[in-house]
Amino acid sequence: TTCSSVAVWDGKQVHVIANESGDNTTPSWVCYLSNGQRRLGKAAERAAGKYITSTVYHSKRLIGRPYSETMQDEKAALHWPFGVTNHGGNAGLEITIAGTGDEEGVTKIVTPEEVAAAVLSYLKRVAEDFIGRPVHKAVVTVPAYFSDSQRQAT
């Protein structure tokens, strides 16, 4: 999936929450910068022009899947600027950190699960800002085509 969204149930109805950009959907993009910084959603999408080698997108399709050579075909078809590598038997995403800090130019492996966790953390913060209190429980939906292993990894 390319976008994510967050909503809250108030006891009577569901309210879809707009993100910081005012949109009801957030691109599932993460841009990793030096010194541990990262940009998420629209900010990552906008930063991709400058920091393409450290920006990850459309990676949910790799969650919970064992690494295989066919993933290289997916990488080519989707024009991913990051590498897909075998990381402990699962897919790893090879990025080159961007920015001006100590980590600039360093190659790093992130997992699709880490990328999804970053997006979910962002959405949690959006929800907490909206309702004015911490969120302790959530329902996470996944695409219908996800396998059982992909559902569990999410």
N, C-alpha and C. Protein backbone atom coordinates (compact mmCIF):
# COMPACT_ATOMS: atom_id res chain seq x y z
N THR A 1 0.84 -1.18 0.00
CA THR A 1 0.00 0.00 0.00
C THR A 1 0.88 1.23 0.00
N THR A 2 0.37 2.28 -0.54
CA THR A 2 1.17 3.48 -0.68
C THR A 2 0.88 4.52 0.38
N CYS A 3 -0.29 4.45 1.00
CA CYS A 3 -0.67 5.43 2.01
C CYS A 3 -1.26 4.75 3.23
N SER A 4 -1.27 5.48 4.33
CA SER A 4 -1.85 5.01 5.58
C SER A 4 -2.75 6.10 6.11
N SER A 5 -3.67 5.71 6.98
CA SER A 5 -4.53 6.71 7.61
C SER A 5 -4.82 6.29 9.04
N VAL A 6 -5.36 7.22 9.80
CA VAL A 6 -5.68 6.95 11.19
C VAL A 6 -7.06 7.55 11.47
N ALA A 7 -7.82 6.84 12.28
CA ALA A 7 -9.16 7.30 12.65
C ALA A 7 -9.39 6.99 14.12
N VAL A 8 -10.38 7.63 14.69
CA VAL A 8 -10.72 7.41 16.10
C VAL A 8 -12.22 7.21 16.21
N TRP A 9 -12.61 6.30 17.10
CA TRP A 9 -14.01 6.03 17.40
C TRP A 9 -14.36 6.79 18.66
N ASP A 10 -15.37 7.64 18.61
CA ASP A 10 -15.73 8.44 19.79
C ASP A 10 -16.90 7.86 20.58
N GLY A 11 -17.28 6.61 20.25
CA GLY A 11 -18.40 5.99 20.92
C GLY A 11 -19.67 6.05 20.10
N LYS A 12 -19.69 6.94 19.11
CA LYS A 12 -20.85 7.08 18.24
C LYS A 12 -20.49 6.94 16.76
N GLN A 13 -19.35 7.47 16.39
CA GLN A 13 -18.94 7.42 14.99
C GLN A 13 -17.43 7.46 14.87
N VAL A 14 -16.97 7.16 13.66
CA VAL A 14 -15.54 7.16 13.36
C VAL A 14 -15.17 8.51 12.75
N HIS A 15 -14.05 9.06 13.21
CA HIS A 15 -13.53 10.30 12.66
C HIS A 15 -12.16 10.02 12.05
N VAL A 16 -12.03 10.22 10.77
CA VAL A 16 -10.72 10.11 10.13
C VAL A 16 -9.95 11.38 10.47
N ILE A 17 -8.72 11.20 10.93
CA ILE A 17 -7.93 12.32 11.42
C ILE A 17 -6.98 12.81 10.34
N ALA A 18 -7.00 14.11 10.11
CA ALA A 18 -6.08 14.71 9.15
C ALA A 18 -4.69 14.79 9.77
N ASN A 19 -3.67 14.58 8.95
CA ASN A 19 -2.29 14.69 9.43
C ASN A 19 -1.86 16.16 9.47
N GLU A 20 -0.58 16.39 9.73
CA GLU A 20 -0.06 17.76 9.84
C GLU A 20 -0.22 18.56 8.55
N SER A 21 -0.32 17.87 7.42
CA SER A 21 -0.50 18.54 6.13
C SER A 21 -1.96 18.80 5.82
N GLY A 22 -2.86 18.32 6.70
CA GLY A 22 -4.28 18.50 6.48
C GLY A 22 -4.91 17.41 5.62
N ASP A 23 -4.15 16.37 5.31
CA ASP A 23 -4.64 15.28 4.47
C ASP A 23 -5.14 14.13 5.34
N ASN A 24 -6.13 13.40 4.83
CA ASN A 24 -6.66 12.24 5.54
C ASN A 24 -5.81 11.00 5.34
N THR A 25 -4.94 11.00 4.36
CA THR A 25 -4.01 9.88 4.14
C THR A 25 -2.59 10.40 4.22
N THR A 26 -1.70 9.53 4.67
CA THR A 26 -0.29 9.86 4.82
C THR A 26 0.52 8.90 3.97
N PRO A 27 1.37 9.41 3.08
CA PRO A 27 2.23 8.51 2.31
C PRO A 27 3.07 7.65 3.25
N SER A 28 3.18 6.37 2.97
CA SER A 28 3.96 5.46 3.80
C SER A 28 5.43 5.53 3.37
N TRP A 29 5.99 6.69 3.50
CA TRP A 29 7.37 6.97 3.11
C TRP A 29 8.16 7.37 4.35
N VAL A 30 9.43 6.92 4.41
CA VAL A 30 10.34 7.31 5.48
C VAL A 30 11.67 7.69 4.85
N CYS A 31 12.18 8.85 5.24
CA CYS A 31 13.50 9.32 4.77
C CYS A 31 14.43 9.32 5.98
N TYR A 32 15.49 8.53 5.90
CA TYR A 32 16.46 8.43 6.99
C TYR A 32 17.59 9.42 6.77
N LEU A 33 17.81 10.28 7.76
CA LEU A 33 18.86 11.29 7.67
C LEU A 33 19.93 11.02 8.70
N SER A 34 21.02 11.76 8.61
CA SER A 34 22.13 11.56 9.56
C SER A 34 21.69 11.97 10.97
N ASN A 35 22.49 11.57 11.95
CA ASN A 35 22.25 11.85 13.37
C ASN A 35 20.92 11.30 13.86
N GLY A 36 20.46 10.19 13.26
CA GLY A 36 19.25 9.52 13.72
C GLY A 36 17.95 10.21 13.36
N GLN A 37 18.00 11.29 12.62
CA GLN A 37 16.78 11.99 12.23
C GLN A 37 16.09 11.25 11.09
N ARG A 38 14.79 11.46 10.99
CA ARG A 38 14.05 10.90 9.86
C ARG A 38 12.84 11.78 9.58
N ARG A 39 12.41 11.73 8.34
CA ARG A 39 11.20 12.44 7.92
C ARG A 39 10.19 11.39 7.52
N LEU A 40 8.92 11.68 7.79
CA LEU A 40 7.86 10.71 7.52
C LEU A 40 6.75 11.34 6.70
N GLY A 41 6.03 10.49 5.97
CA GLY A 41 4.86 10.94 5.23
C GLY A 41 5.19 11.92 4.13
N LYS A 42 4.41 13.00 4.06
CA LYS A 42 4.60 14.02 3.01
C LYS A 42 5.99 14.63 3.08
N ALA A 43 6.51 14.83 4.29
CA ALA A 43 7.84 15.41 4.44
C ALA A 43 8.90 14.51 3.81
N ALA A 44 8.75 13.20 3.97
CA ALA A 44 9.69 12.25 3.35
C ALA A 44 9.53 12.24 1.84
N GLU A 45 8.29 12.31 1.40
CA GLU A 45 8.01 12.32 -0.04
C GLU A 45 8.64 13.56 -0.69
N ARG A 46 8.51 14.70 -0.02
CA ARG A 46 9.12 15.94 -0.55
C ARG A 46 10.64 15.88 -0.50
N ALA A 47 11.19 15.25 0.53
CA ALA A 47 12.65 15.17 0.69
C ALA A 47 13.29 14.19 -0.28
N ALA A 48 12.50 13.31 -0.88
CA ALA A 48 13.03 12.26 -1.75
C ALA A 48 13.85 12.83 -2.91
N GLY A 49 13.48 13.99 -3.41
CA GLY A 49 14.24 14.59 -4.50
C GLY A 49 15.68 14.87 -4.12
N LYS A 50 15.88 15.25 -2.89
CA LYS A 50 17.23 15.57 -2.41
C LYS A 50 17.93 14.37 -1.78
N TYR A 51 17.15 13.50 -1.13
CA TYR A 51 17.71 12.39 -0.37
C TYR A 51 17.19 11.04 -0.89
N ILE A 52 17.22 10.83 -2.16
CA ILE A 52 16.59 9.65 -2.75
C ILE A 52 17.18 8.33 -2.26
N THR A 53 18.48 8.27 -2.01
CA THR A 53 19.10 7.00 -1.61
C THR A 53 18.77 6.60 -0.17
N SER A 54 18.18 7.52 0.59
CA SER A 54 17.84 7.19 1.97
C SER A 54 16.33 7.25 2.22
N THR A 55 15.56 7.26 1.13
CA THR A 55 14.10 7.32 1.24
C THR A 55 13.50 5.97 0.85
N VAL A 56 12.64 5.46 1.72
CA VAL A 56 12.01 4.16 1.50
C VAL A 56 10.51 4.38 1.32
N TYR A 57 9.95 3.71 0.32
CA TYR A 57 8.52 3.78 0.05
C TYR A 57 8.06 2.46 -0.56
N HIS A 58 6.77 2.22 -0.52
CA HIS A 58 6.15 1.00 -1.06
C HIS A 58 6.80 -0.27 -0.52
N SER A 59 7.28 -0.23 0.70
CA SER A 59 7.98 -1.39 1.25
C SER A 59 7.06 -2.34 2.01
N LYS A 60 5.81 -1.97 2.23
CA LYS A 60 4.89 -2.85 2.97
C LYS A 60 4.75 -4.21 2.28
N ARG A 61 4.86 -4.21 0.96
CA ARG A 61 4.70 -5.47 0.22
C ARG A 61 5.77 -6.49 0.60
N LEU A 62 6.86 -6.06 1.23
CA LEU A 62 7.94 -6.97 1.61
C LEU A 62 7.85 -7.45 3.06
N ILE A 63 6.93 -6.89 3.83
CA ILE A 63 6.79 -7.27 5.24
C ILE A 63 6.49 -8.76 5.35
N GLY A 64 7.24 -9.44 6.22
CA GLY A 64 6.96 -10.84 6.53
C GLY A 64 7.24 -11.83 5.42
N ARG A 65 7.93 -11.40 4.39
CA ARG A 65 8.24 -12.31 3.29
C ARG A 65 9.69 -12.74 3.35
N PRO A 66 9.95 -14.02 3.13
CA PRO A 66 11.34 -14.46 3.06
C PRO A 66 12.00 -13.87 1.82
N TYR A 67 13.28 -13.58 1.93
CA TYR A 67 14.01 -13.01 0.80
C TYR A 67 14.05 -14.00 -0.36
N SER A 68 13.88 -13.50 -1.56
CA SER A 68 14.04 -14.32 -2.76
C SER A 68 14.57 -13.43 -3.88
N GLU A 69 15.19 -14.04 -4.86
CA GLU A 69 15.74 -13.29 -5.99
C GLU A 69 14.66 -12.56 -6.78
N THR A 70 13.41 -13.03 -6.72
CA THR A 70 12.34 -12.34 -7.44
C THR A 70 12.10 -10.93 -6.90
N MET A 71 12.55 -10.67 -5.69
CA MET A 71 12.41 -9.33 -5.13
C MET A 71 13.23 -8.32 -5.93
N GLN A 72 14.28 -8.78 -6.58
CA GLN A 72 15.07 -7.89 -7.43
C GLN A 72 14.23 -7.43 -8.63
N ASP A 73 13.35 -8.30 -9.12
CA ASP A 73 12.45 -7.93 -10.21
C ASP A 73 11.45 -6.87 -9.73
N GLU A 74 10.95 -7.05 -8.51
CA GLU A 74 10.03 -6.06 -7.93
C GLU A 74 10.74 -4.72 -7.79
N LYS A 75 11.98 -4.76 -7.31
CA LYS A 75 12.77 -3.54 -7.14
C LYS A 75 12.89 -2.80 -8.46
N ALA A 76 13.19 -3.53 -9.52
CA ALA A 76 13.33 -2.91 -10.85
C ALA A 76 12.00 -2.36 -11.34
N ALA A 77 10.93 -3.13 -11.16
CA ALA A 77 9.62 -2.70 -11.65
C ALA A 77 9.11 -1.46 -10.92
N LEU A 78 9.42 -1.36 -9.64
CA LEU A 78 8.94 -0.24 -8.84
C LEU A 78 9.93 0.93 -8.81
N HIS A 79 11.08 0.75 -9.46
CA HIS A 79 12.11 1.81 -9.53
C HIS A 79 12.57 2.26 -8.14
N TRP A 80 12.71 1.29 -7.24
CA TRP A 80 13.18 1.63 -5.90
C TRP A 80 14.62 2.10 -5.96
N PRO A 81 14.94 3.21 -5.29
CA PRO A 81 16.32 3.69 -5.26
C PRO A 81 17.16 2.98 -4.20
N PHE A 82 16.52 2.19 -3.37
CA PHE A 82 17.22 1.45 -2.31
C PHE A 82 17.37 0.00 -2.76
N GLY A 83 18.37 -0.65 -2.20
CA GLY A 83 18.60 -2.05 -2.53
C GLY A 83 17.71 -2.97 -1.71
N VAL A 84 17.49 -4.17 -2.23
CA VAL A 84 16.78 -5.21 -1.48
C VAL A 84 17.78 -6.35 -1.32
N THR A 85 18.01 -6.72 -0.07
CA THR A 85 19.04 -7.70 0.23
C THR A 85 18.53 -8.76 1.20
N ASN A 86 19.27 -9.85 1.29
CA ASN A 86 18.94 -10.92 2.23
C ASN A 86 19.41 -10.50 3.62
N HIS A 87 18.48 -10.35 4.53
CA HIS A 87 18.78 -9.93 5.90
C HIS A 87 18.23 -10.97 6.85
N GLY A 88 19.04 -11.97 7.16
CA GLY A 88 18.61 -13.04 8.05
C GLY A 88 17.50 -13.89 7.47
N GLY A 89 17.48 -14.03 6.15
CA GLY A 89 16.46 -14.82 5.49
C GLY A 89 15.24 -14.03 5.05
N ASN A 90 15.13 -12.81 5.53
CA ASN A 90 14.02 -11.93 5.14
C ASN A 90 14.54 -10.77 4.31
N ALA A 91 13.62 -9.98 3.79
CA ALA A 91 14.01 -8.83 2.98
C ALA A 91 14.59 -7.74 3.88
N GLY A 92 15.71 -7.20 3.45
CA GLY A 92 16.31 -6.03 4.08
C GLY A 92 16.40 -4.94 3.04
N LEU A 93 16.26 -3.70 3.46
CA LEU A 93 16.31 -2.56 2.55
C LEU A 93 17.62 -1.83 2.78
N GLU A 94 18.44 -1.77 1.75
CA GLU A 94 19.77 -1.17 1.86
C GLU A 94 19.70 0.29 1.42
N ILE A 95 19.91 1.18 2.37
CA ILE A 95 19.85 2.62 2.09
C ILE A 95 21.21 3.25 2.37
N THR A 96 21.42 4.42 1.81
CA THR A 96 22.61 5.21 2.10
C THR A 96 22.14 6.46 2.82
N ILE A 97 22.57 6.63 4.05
CA ILE A 97 22.12 7.73 4.90
C ILE A 97 22.51 9.07 4.26
N ALA A 98 21.55 10.00 4.28
CA ALA A 98 21.76 11.33 3.71
C ALA A 98 21.87 12.35 4.83
N GLY A 99 22.30 13.54 4.48
CA GLY A 99 22.40 14.63 5.45
C GLY A 99 23.82 15.12 5.57
N THR A 100 24.10 15.77 6.69
CA THR A 100 25.42 16.38 6.86
C THR A 100 26.14 15.91 8.13
N GLY A 101 25.59 14.96 8.85
CA GLY A 101 26.18 14.51 10.11
C GLY A 101 27.18 13.40 9.94
N ASP A 102 27.52 12.78 11.06
CA ASP A 102 28.53 11.72 11.10
C ASP A 102 28.16 10.50 10.26
N GLU A 103 26.87 10.23 10.14
CA GLU A 103 26.41 9.03 9.43
C GLU A 103 26.27 9.23 7.93
N GLU A 104 26.44 10.43 7.45
CA GLU A 104 26.22 10.71 6.03
C GLU A 104 27.05 9.76 5.16
N GLY A 105 26.40 9.17 4.18
CA GLY A 105 27.07 8.27 3.25
C GLY A 105 27.21 6.84 3.75
N VAL A 106 26.80 6.58 4.98
CA VAL A 106 26.92 5.24 5.55
C VAL A 106 25.78 4.38 5.02
N THR A 107 26.11 3.16 4.61
CA THR A 107 25.09 2.21 4.16
C THR A 107 24.49 1.52 5.37
N LYS A 108 23.18 1.41 5.38
CA LYS A 108 22.47 0.84 6.52
C LYS A 108 21.38 -0.07 5.98
N ILE A 109 21.09 -1.14 6.71
CA ILE A 109 20.00 -2.04 6.38
C ILE A 109 18.84 -1.75 7.34
N VAL A 110 17.67 -1.47 6.78
CA VAL A 110 16.45 -1.34 7.59
C VAL A 110 15.48 -2.40 7.09
N THR A 111 14.60 -2.83 7.94
CA THR A 111 13.64 -3.85 7.55
C THR A 111 12.32 -3.18 7.17
N PRO A 112 11.51 -3.84 6.36
CA PRO A 112 10.19 -3.29 6.06
C PRO A 112 9.36 -3.09 7.32
N GLU A 113 9.56 -3.95 8.31
CA GLU A 113 8.84 -3.82 9.58
C GLU A 113 9.24 -2.54 10.30
N GLU A 114 10.53 -2.17 10.24
CA GLU A 114 10.99 -0.92 10.85
C GLU A 114 10.35 0.28 10.18
N VAL A 115 10.25 0.22 8.86
CA VAL A 115 9.63 1.31 8.11
C VAL A 115 8.17 1.44 8.51
N ALA A 116 7.45 0.31 8.55
CA ALA A 116 6.04 0.32 8.95
C ALA A 116 5.88 0.84 10.37
N ALA A 117 6.79 0.46 11.26
CA ALA A 117 6.73 0.92 12.65
C ALA A 117 6.91 2.43 12.74
N ALA A 118 7.79 2.98 11.91
CA ALA A 118 7.99 4.43 11.89
C ALA A 118 6.72 5.14 11.45
N VAL A 119 6.07 4.62 10.42
CA VAL A 119 4.82 5.21 9.93
C VAL A 119 3.73 5.09 10.99
N LEU A 120 3.61 3.92 11.62
CA LEU A 120 2.60 3.74 12.67
C LEU A 120 2.86 4.65 13.87
N SER A 121 4.11 4.85 14.23
CA SER A 121 4.45 5.75 15.33
C SER A 121 4.02 7.18 15.00
N TYR A 122 4.25 7.58 13.76
CA TYR A 122 3.82 8.91 13.31
C TYR A 122 2.30 9.04 13.41
N LEU A 123 1.58 8.03 12.92
CA LEU A 123 0.12 8.07 12.96
C LEU A 123 -0.40 8.07 14.39
N LYS A 124 0.28 7.36 15.27
CA LYS A 124 -0.10 7.35 16.68
C LYS A 124 0.02 8.76 17.26
N ARG A 125 1.10 9.44 16.92
CA ARG A 125 1.30 10.81 17.41
C ARG A 125 0.20 11.74 16.87
N VAL A 126 -0.16 11.57 15.60
CA VAL A 126 -1.24 12.37 15.00
C VAL A 126 -2.55 12.13 15.77
N ALA A 127 -2.83 10.87 16.08
CA ALA A 127 -4.06 10.54 16.82
C ALA A 127 -4.02 11.12 18.23
N GLU A 128 -2.88 11.01 18.91
CA GLU A 128 -2.76 11.53 20.27
C GLU A 128 -2.93 13.05 20.29
N ASP A 129 -2.38 13.73 19.29
CA ASP A 129 -2.56 15.18 19.21
C ASP A 129 -4.03 15.53 19.01
N PHE A 130 -4.73 14.73 18.24
CA PHE A 130 -6.14 14.97 17.94
C PHE A 130 -7.03 14.75 19.17
N ILE A 131 -6.80 13.64 19.89
CA ILE A 131 -7.68 13.33 21.02
C ILE A 131 -7.19 13.92 22.35
N GLY A 132 -5.94 14.38 22.36
CA GLY A 132 -5.43 15.05 23.55
C GLY A 132 -5.03 14.13 24.69
N ARG A 133 -4.80 12.88 24.39
CA ARG A 133 -4.33 11.93 25.41
C ARG A 133 -3.60 10.78 24.73
N PRO A 134 -2.85 9.99 25.52
CA PRO A 134 -2.10 8.88 24.93
C PRO A 134 -3.01 7.79 24.35
N VAL A 135 -2.55 7.17 23.29
CA VAL A 135 -3.23 6.03 22.69
C VAL A 135 -2.56 4.76 23.18
N HIS A 136 -3.35 3.84 23.75
CA HIS A 136 -2.81 2.59 24.28
C HIS A 136 -3.26 1.37 23.48
N LYS A 137 -4.35 1.51 22.73
CA LYS A 137 -4.88 0.39 21.95
C LYS A 137 -5.18 0.89 20.54
N ALA A 138 -4.98 -0.02 19.59
CA ALA A 138 -5.25 0.33 18.20
C ALA A 138 -5.63 -0.92 17.41
N VAL A 139 -6.34 -0.70 16.34
CA VAL A 139 -6.64 -1.75 15.37
C VAL A 139 -5.84 -1.41 14.12
N VAL A 140 -5.01 -2.34 13.68
CA VAL A 140 -4.21 -2.12 12.49
C VAL A 140 -4.75 -3.03 11.40
N THR A 141 -5.13 -2.44 10.29
CA THR A 141 -5.62 -3.24 9.17
C THR A 141 -4.49 -3.42 8.16
N VAL A 142 -4.59 -4.48 7.40
CA VAL A 142 -3.59 -4.78 6.38
C VAL A 142 -4.30 -5.07 5.06
N PRO A 143 -3.59 -4.98 3.96
CA PRO A 143 -4.22 -5.30 2.67
C PRO A 143 -4.76 -6.74 2.65
N ALA A 144 -5.83 -6.94 1.92
CA ALA A 144 -6.47 -8.25 1.85
C ALA A 144 -5.56 -9.32 1.25
N TYR A 145 -4.63 -8.92 0.40
CA TYR A 145 -3.75 -9.89 -0.25
C TYR A 145 -2.60 -10.35 0.65
N PHE A 146 -2.45 -9.79 1.85
CA PHE A 146 -1.36 -10.19 2.74
C PHE A 146 -1.53 -11.66 3.15
N SER A 147 -0.40 -12.38 3.19
CA SER A 147 -0.41 -13.77 3.67
C SER A 147 -0.44 -13.76 5.20
N ASP A 148 -0.60 -14.93 5.79
CA ASP A 148 -0.60 -15.03 7.25
C ASP A 148 0.70 -14.52 7.85
N SER A 149 1.84 -14.86 7.22
CA SER A 149 3.12 -14.40 7.75
C SER A 149 3.25 -12.88 7.66
N GLN A 150 2.69 -12.30 6.62
CA GLN A 150 2.72 -10.82 6.49
C GLN A 150 1.81 -10.17 7.53
N ARG A 151 0.68 -10.79 7.80
CA ARG A 151 -0.24 -10.26 8.83
C ARG A 151 0.45 -10.30 10.20
N GLN A 152 1.11 -11.40 10.50
CA GLN A 152 1.79 -11.54 11.80
C GLN A 152 2.94 -10.56 11.93
N ALA A 153 3.67 -10.32 10.85
CA ALA A 153 4.82 -9.41 10.89
C ALA A 153 4.39 -7.96 11.05
N THR A 154 3.15 -7.67 10.64
CA THR A 154 2.65 -6.30 10.77
C THR A 154 2.35 -6.01 12.22
